[in-house]
């Protein structure tokens, strides 16, 4: 059985497919994996989720 690696599902960058998931955020009542690069971009912005 093959295990697929989880990838980034940044809701503000739907094109990211990085598999180096660093953390999870809750967005619209769902747990969403975020990679390091996307997290750095999110942390620098004034976003609410």
N, C-alpha and C. Protein backbone atom coordinates (compact mmCIF):
# COMPACT_ATOMS: atom_id res chain seq x y z
N UNK A 1 0.85 -1.18 0.00
CA UNK A 1 0.00 0.00 0.00
C UNK A 1 0.89 1.24 0.00
N UNK A 2 0.63 2.16 -0.91
CA UNK A 2 1.43 3.38 -1.03
C UNK A 2 0.78 4.49 -0.21
N UNK A 3 1.61 5.20 0.56
CA UNK A 3 1.13 6.32 1.35
C UNK A 3 1.45 7.62 0.61
N UNK A 4 0.45 8.41 0.36
CA UNK A 4 0.67 9.67 -0.32
C UNK A 4 1.06 10.74 0.69
N UNK A 5 2.06 11.54 0.34
CA UNK A 5 2.50 12.62 1.21
C UNK A 5 1.46 13.73 1.20
N UNK A 6 1.23 14.28 2.35
CA UNK A 6 0.31 15.41 2.44
C UNK A 6 0.99 16.65 1.88
N UNK A 7 0.22 17.52 1.26
CA UNK A 7 0.81 18.73 0.71
C UNK A 7 0.07 19.97 1.23
N UNK A 8 0.71 21.09 1.04
CA UNK A 8 0.19 22.38 1.48
C UNK A 8 -1.15 22.66 0.81
N UNK A 9 -2.08 23.17 1.59
CA UNK A 9 -3.40 23.54 1.06
C UNK A 9 -3.73 24.97 1.47
N UNK A 10 -2.77 25.83 1.28
CA UNK A 10 -2.92 27.25 1.61
C UNK A 10 -4.14 27.82 0.88
N UNK A 11 -5.16 28.29 1.62
CA UNK A 11 -6.37 28.79 0.97
C UNK A 11 -6.14 30.09 0.19
N UNK A 12 -5.05 30.79 0.44
CA UNK A 12 -4.75 32.03 -0.27
C UNK A 12 -3.78 31.80 -1.42
N UNK A 13 -3.30 30.56 -1.58
CA UNK A 13 -2.42 30.20 -2.69
C UNK A 13 -2.77 28.77 -3.09
N UNK A 14 -3.78 28.62 -3.88
CA UNK A 14 -4.27 27.30 -4.26
C UNK A 14 -3.34 26.51 -5.14
N UNK A 15 -2.24 27.10 -5.59
CA UNK A 15 -1.32 26.43 -6.49
C UNK A 15 -0.14 25.76 -5.77
N UNK A 16 0.02 26.00 -4.48
CA UNK A 16 1.16 25.43 -3.75
C UNK A 16 0.98 23.92 -3.57
N UNK A 17 2.01 23.18 -3.91
CA UNK A 17 1.98 21.72 -3.76
C UNK A 17 3.14 21.22 -2.91
N UNK A 18 3.75 22.10 -2.14
CA UNK A 18 4.89 21.72 -1.30
C UNK A 18 4.46 20.66 -0.29
N UNK A 19 5.33 19.71 -0.04
CA UNK A 19 5.00 18.62 0.89
C UNK A 19 5.69 18.79 2.24
N UNK A 20 6.36 19.92 2.47
CA UNK A 20 7.03 20.15 3.76
C UNK A 20 6.08 20.85 4.73
N UNK A 21 5.00 20.17 5.07
CA UNK A 21 3.98 20.74 5.96
C UNK A 21 4.61 21.02 7.32
N UNK A 22 4.46 22.27 7.77
CA UNK A 22 5.07 22.69 9.02
C UNK A 22 4.04 22.85 10.14
N UNK A 23 2.81 23.17 9.76
CA UNK A 23 1.77 23.39 10.77
C UNK A 23 0.40 23.29 10.13
N UNK A 24 -0.60 23.35 10.96
CA UNK A 24 -1.99 23.31 10.50
C UNK A 24 -2.69 24.53 11.06
N UNK A 25 -3.58 25.11 10.27
CA UNK A 25 -4.43 26.19 10.73
C UNK A 25 -5.88 25.74 10.57
N UNK A 26 -6.76 26.38 11.30
CA UNK A 26 -8.19 26.14 11.09
C UNK A 26 -8.70 27.25 10.19
N UNK A 27 -9.28 26.87 9.07
CA UNK A 27 -9.84 27.81 8.11
C UNK A 27 -11.20 27.28 7.70
N UNK A 28 -12.24 28.08 7.95
CA UNK A 28 -13.63 27.69 7.65
C UNK A 28 -13.96 26.34 8.30
N UNK A 29 -13.59 26.22 9.57
CA UNK A 29 -13.88 25.03 10.38
C UNK A 29 -13.21 23.76 9.89
N UNK A 30 -12.14 23.88 9.11
CA UNK A 30 -11.38 22.72 8.66
C UNK A 30 -9.91 22.90 9.00
N UNK A 31 -9.27 21.79 9.34
CA UNK A 31 -7.84 21.80 9.62
C UNK A 31 -7.11 21.74 8.28
N UNK A 32 -6.25 22.74 8.02
CA UNK A 32 -5.59 22.89 6.74
C UNK A 32 -4.07 22.85 6.91
N UNK A 33 -3.36 21.96 6.17
CA UNK A 33 -1.91 21.89 6.26
C UNK A 33 -1.26 23.07 5.52
N UNK A 34 -0.21 23.63 6.12
CA UNK A 34 0.51 24.77 5.55
C UNK A 34 2.01 24.49 5.55
N UNK A 35 2.66 24.76 4.42
CA UNK A 35 4.11 24.56 4.33
C UNK A 35 4.85 25.78 4.92
N UNK A 36 6.15 25.65 5.09
CA UNK A 36 6.95 26.71 5.70
C UNK A 36 6.91 28.00 4.89
N UNK A 37 7.06 27.91 3.57
CA UNK A 37 7.08 29.10 2.73
C UNK A 37 5.75 29.85 2.79
N UNK A 38 4.65 29.11 2.68
CA UNK A 38 3.34 29.75 2.75
C UNK A 38 3.09 30.34 4.13
N UNK A 39 3.52 29.66 5.18
CA UNK A 39 3.32 30.19 6.53
C UNK A 39 4.05 31.51 6.70
N UNK A 40 5.26 31.61 6.17
CA UNK A 40 6.00 32.87 6.25
C UNK A 40 5.23 33.98 5.54
N UNK A 41 4.63 33.68 4.41
CA UNK A 41 3.84 34.68 3.67
C UNK A 41 2.57 35.05 4.43
N UNK A 42 1.90 34.06 5.00
CA UNK A 42 0.67 34.32 5.76
C UNK A 42 0.98 35.16 7.00
N UNK A 43 2.06 34.82 7.69
CA UNK A 43 2.42 35.52 8.92
C UNK A 43 2.74 36.99 8.67
N UNK A 44 3.21 37.31 7.48
CA UNK A 44 3.56 38.70 7.15
C UNK A 44 2.35 39.53 6.71
N UNK A 45 1.20 38.89 6.50
CA UNK A 45 0.01 39.59 6.03
C UNK A 45 -0.97 39.81 7.17
N UNK A 46 -1.88 40.74 6.96
CA UNK A 46 -2.93 41.01 7.94
C UNK A 46 -4.19 40.27 7.48
N UNK A 47 -4.25 38.95 7.77
CA UNK A 47 -5.37 38.11 7.34
C UNK A 47 -6.17 37.63 8.54
N UNK A 48 -7.44 37.38 8.32
CA UNK A 48 -8.28 36.75 9.33
C UNK A 48 -8.84 35.48 8.75
N UNK A 49 -8.92 34.44 9.57
CA UNK A 49 -9.51 33.18 9.11
C UNK A 49 -10.29 32.55 10.18
